[in-house]
């Protein structure tokens, strides 16, 4: 399946922007994450593969949850990659 079919669009809120950066005051487990709305039938391995292929980064873990507005994927990147940099590439900032 095409990565653009799995990752629909970024989900941008004040909280998701805070998770992207991870200030020094925050615990290290809270930062370096980016949130996307994904297809409802997409699995965690499919989301991970699509994100890695589309943005040429390595994903540490994918968390998902379903809300009324769709399925959300909270994607945690490995420490050597920056969620802020990905956010700037896709125009979140």
C-alpha atoms as a PDB file:
ATOM      1  CA  UNK A   1       0.000   0.000   0.000  1.00  0.00           C
ATOM      2  CA  UNK A   2       1.193   3.527  -0.815  1.00  0.00           C
ATOM      3  CA  UNK A   3       2.452   5.514   2.239  1.00  0.00           C
ATOM      4  CA  UNK A   4       0.215   8.439   1.239  1.00  0.00           C
ATOM      5  CA  UNK A   5      -2.815   6.163   1.548  1.00  0.00           C
ATOM      6  CA  UNK A   6      -1.884   5.185   5.125  1.00  0.00           C
ATOM      7  CA  UNK A   7      -0.739   8.559   6.537  1.00  0.00           C
ATOM      8  CA  UNK A   8      -3.615  10.929   5.772  1.00  0.00           C
ATOM      9  CA  UNK A   9      -2.446  14.185   7.395  1.00  0.00           C
ATOM     10  CA  UNK A  10      -0.621  15.508  10.466  1.00  0.00           C
ATOM     11  CA  UNK A  11      -2.693  16.244  13.561  1.00  0.00           C
ATOM     12  CA  UNK A  12      -1.592  19.595  14.944  1.00  0.00           C
ATOM     13  CA  UNK A  13      -2.617  20.869  18.371  1.00  0.00           C
ATOM     14  CA  UNK A  14      -0.738  22.714  21.082  1.00  0.00           C
ATOM     15  CA  UNK A  15      -0.189  19.428  22.893  1.00  0.00           C
ATOM     16  CA  UNK A  16       1.133  17.656  19.782  1.00  0.00           C
ATOM     17  CA  UNK A  17       3.518  20.574  19.129  1.00  0.00           C
ATOM     18  CA  UNK A  18       4.830  20.235  22.705  1.00  0.00           C
ATOM     19  CA  UNK A  19       5.391  16.500  22.162  1.00  0.00           C
ATOM     20  CA  UNK A  20       7.378  17.273  19.036  1.00  0.00           C
ATOM     21  CA  UNK A  21      10.012  19.370  20.760  1.00  0.00           C
ATOM     22  CA  UNK A  22      10.404  17.976  24.214  1.00  0.00           C
ATOM     23  CA  UNK A  23      11.703  20.753  26.418  1.00  0.00           C
ATOM     24  CA  UNK A  24      14.513  19.964  28.883  1.00  0.00           C
ATOM     25  CA  UNK A  25      12.014  20.242  31.746  1.00  0.00           C
ATOM     26  CA  UNK A  26      10.020  17.363  30.273  1.00  0.00           C
ATOM     27  CA  UNK A  27      10.946  13.738  30.764  1.00  0.00           C
ATOM     28  CA  UNK A  28      12.900  12.380  27.783  1.00  0.00           C
ATOM     29  CA  UNK A  29      10.134   9.869  27.058  1.00  0.00           C
ATOM     30  CA  UNK A  30       7.708  12.704  26.262  1.00  0.00           C
ATOM     31  CA  UNK A  31       9.540  14.307  23.349  1.00  0.00           C
ATOM     32  CA  UNK A  32      10.424  13.555  19.734  1.00  0.00           C
ATOM     33  CA  UNK A  33       6.915  12.463  18.722  1.00  0.00           C
ATOM     34  CA  UNK A  34       4.689  13.477  15.843  1.00  0.00           C
ATOM     35  CA  UNK A  35       0.987  12.743  15.465  1.00  0.00           C
ATOM     36  CA  UNK A  36      -0.873  11.793  12.271  1.00  0.00           C
ATOM     37  CA  UNK A  37      -4.414  10.870  11.329  1.00  0.00           C
ATOM     38  CA  UNK A  38      -4.162   7.486   9.592  1.00  0.00           C
ATOM     39  CA  UNK A  39      -6.469   5.041   7.842  1.00  0.00           C
ATOM     40  CA  UNK A  40      -8.683   3.251  10.312  1.00  0.00           C
ATOM     41  CA  UNK A  41      -7.660  -0.180   8.991  1.00  0.00           C
ATOM     42  CA  UNK A  42      -3.893   0.567   9.087  1.00  0.00           C
ATOM     43  CA  UNK A  43      -1.843  -1.555  11.483  1.00  0.00           C
ATOM     44  CA  UNK A  44       1.085  -0.333  13.590  1.00  0.00           C
ATOM     45  CA  UNK A  45       3.687  -2.096  11.377  1.00  0.00           C
ATOM     46  CA  UNK A  46       2.105  -0.556   8.249  1.00  0.00           C
ATOM     47  CA  UNK A  47       2.148   2.910   9.837  1.00  0.00           C
ATOM     48  CA  UNK A  48       5.786   2.470  10.888  1.00  0.00           C
ATOM     49  CA  UNK A  49       6.857   1.298   7.424  1.00  0.00           C
ATOM     50  CA  UNK A  50       4.944   4.088   5.657  1.00  0.00           C
ATOM     51  CA  UNK A  51       6.420   6.798   7.910  1.00  0.00           C
ATOM     52  CA  UNK A  52       9.962   5.459   7.555  1.00  0.00           C
ATOM     53  CA  UNK A  53       9.641   5.247   3.778  1.00  0.00           C
ATOM     54  CA  UNK A  54       8.020   8.667   3.360  1.00  0.00           C
ATOM     55  CA  UNK A  55      10.322  10.680   5.653  1.00  0.00           C
ATOM     56  CA  UNK A  56      13.511   8.549   5.533  1.00  0.00           C
ATOM     57  CA  UNK A  57      13.805   8.223   9.326  1.00  0.00           C
ATOM     58  CA  UNK A  58      13.685   5.354  11.836  1.00  0.00           C
ATOM     59  CA  UNK A  59      10.685   4.938  14.113  1.00  0.00           C
ATOM     60  CA  UNK A  60      11.114   3.674  17.657  1.00  0.00           C
ATOM     61  CA  UNK A  61       7.454   3.003  18.505  1.00  0.00           C
ATOM     62  CA  UNK A  62       3.940   3.663  17.214  1.00  0.00           C
ATOM     63  CA  UNK A  63       0.999   4.294  19.543  1.00  0.00           C
ATOM     64  CA  UNK A  64      -2.543   4.368  18.139  1.00  0.00           C
ATOM     65  CA  UNK A  65      -5.947   5.349  19.401  1.00  0.00           C
ATOM     66  CA  UNK A  66      -9.322   5.908  17.780  1.00  0.00           C
ATOM     67  CA  UNK A  67     -11.463   8.989  18.297  1.00  0.00           C
ATOM     68  CA  UNK A  68     -14.538  10.390  16.641  1.00  0.00           C
ATOM     69  CA  UNK A  69     -12.412  12.274  14.088  1.00  0.00           C
ATOM     70  CA  UNK A  70     -10.493   9.138  13.038  1.00  0.00           C
ATOM     71  CA  UNK A  71      -7.586   6.920  13.978  1.00  0.00           C
ATOM     72  CA  UNK A  72      -4.590   8.748  15.436  1.00  0.00           C
ATOM     73  CA  UNK A  73      -1.010   7.491  15.335  1.00  0.00           C
ATOM     74  CA  UNK A  74       1.503   8.949  17.755  1.00  0.00           C
ATOM     75  CA  UNK A  75       4.871   8.170  16.180  1.00  0.00           C
ATOM     76  CA  UNK A  76       7.972   8.240  18.392  1.00  0.00           C
ATOM     77  CA  UNK A  77      11.207   8.670  16.466  1.00  0.00           C
ATOM     78  CA  UNK A  78      14.579   7.241  17.429  1.00  0.00           C
ATOM     79  CA  UNK A  79      16.831   9.714  19.312  1.00  0.00           C
ATOM     80  CA  UNK A  80      19.085  10.345  16.300  1.00  0.00           C
ATOM     81  CA  UNK A  81      16.138  11.840  14.330  1.00  0.00           C
ATOM     82  CA  UNK A  82      14.162  14.997  15.065  1.00  0.00           C
ATOM     83  CA  UNK A  83      10.365  15.269  15.049  1.00  0.00           C
ATOM     84  CA  UNK A  84      10.758  19.068  14.875  1.00  0.00           C
ATOM     85  CA  UNK A  85      12.701  18.710  11.632  1.00  0.00           C
ATOM     86  CA  UNK A  86       9.965  16.497  10.154  1.00  0.00           C
ATOM     87  CA  UNK A  87       7.372  19.042  11.289  1.00  0.00           C
ATOM     88  CA  UNK A  88       9.234  21.819   9.498  1.00  0.00           C
ATOM     89  CA  UNK A  89       9.512  19.710   6.318  1.00  0.00           C
ATOM     90  CA  UNK A  90       5.750  19.136   6.201  1.00  0.00           C
ATOM     91  CA  UNK A  91       4.860  22.716   7.126  1.00  0.00           C
ATOM     92  CA  UNK A  92       3.542  22.299  10.679  1.00  0.00           C
ATOM     93  CA  UNK A  93       5.530  25.345  11.875  1.00  0.00           C
END
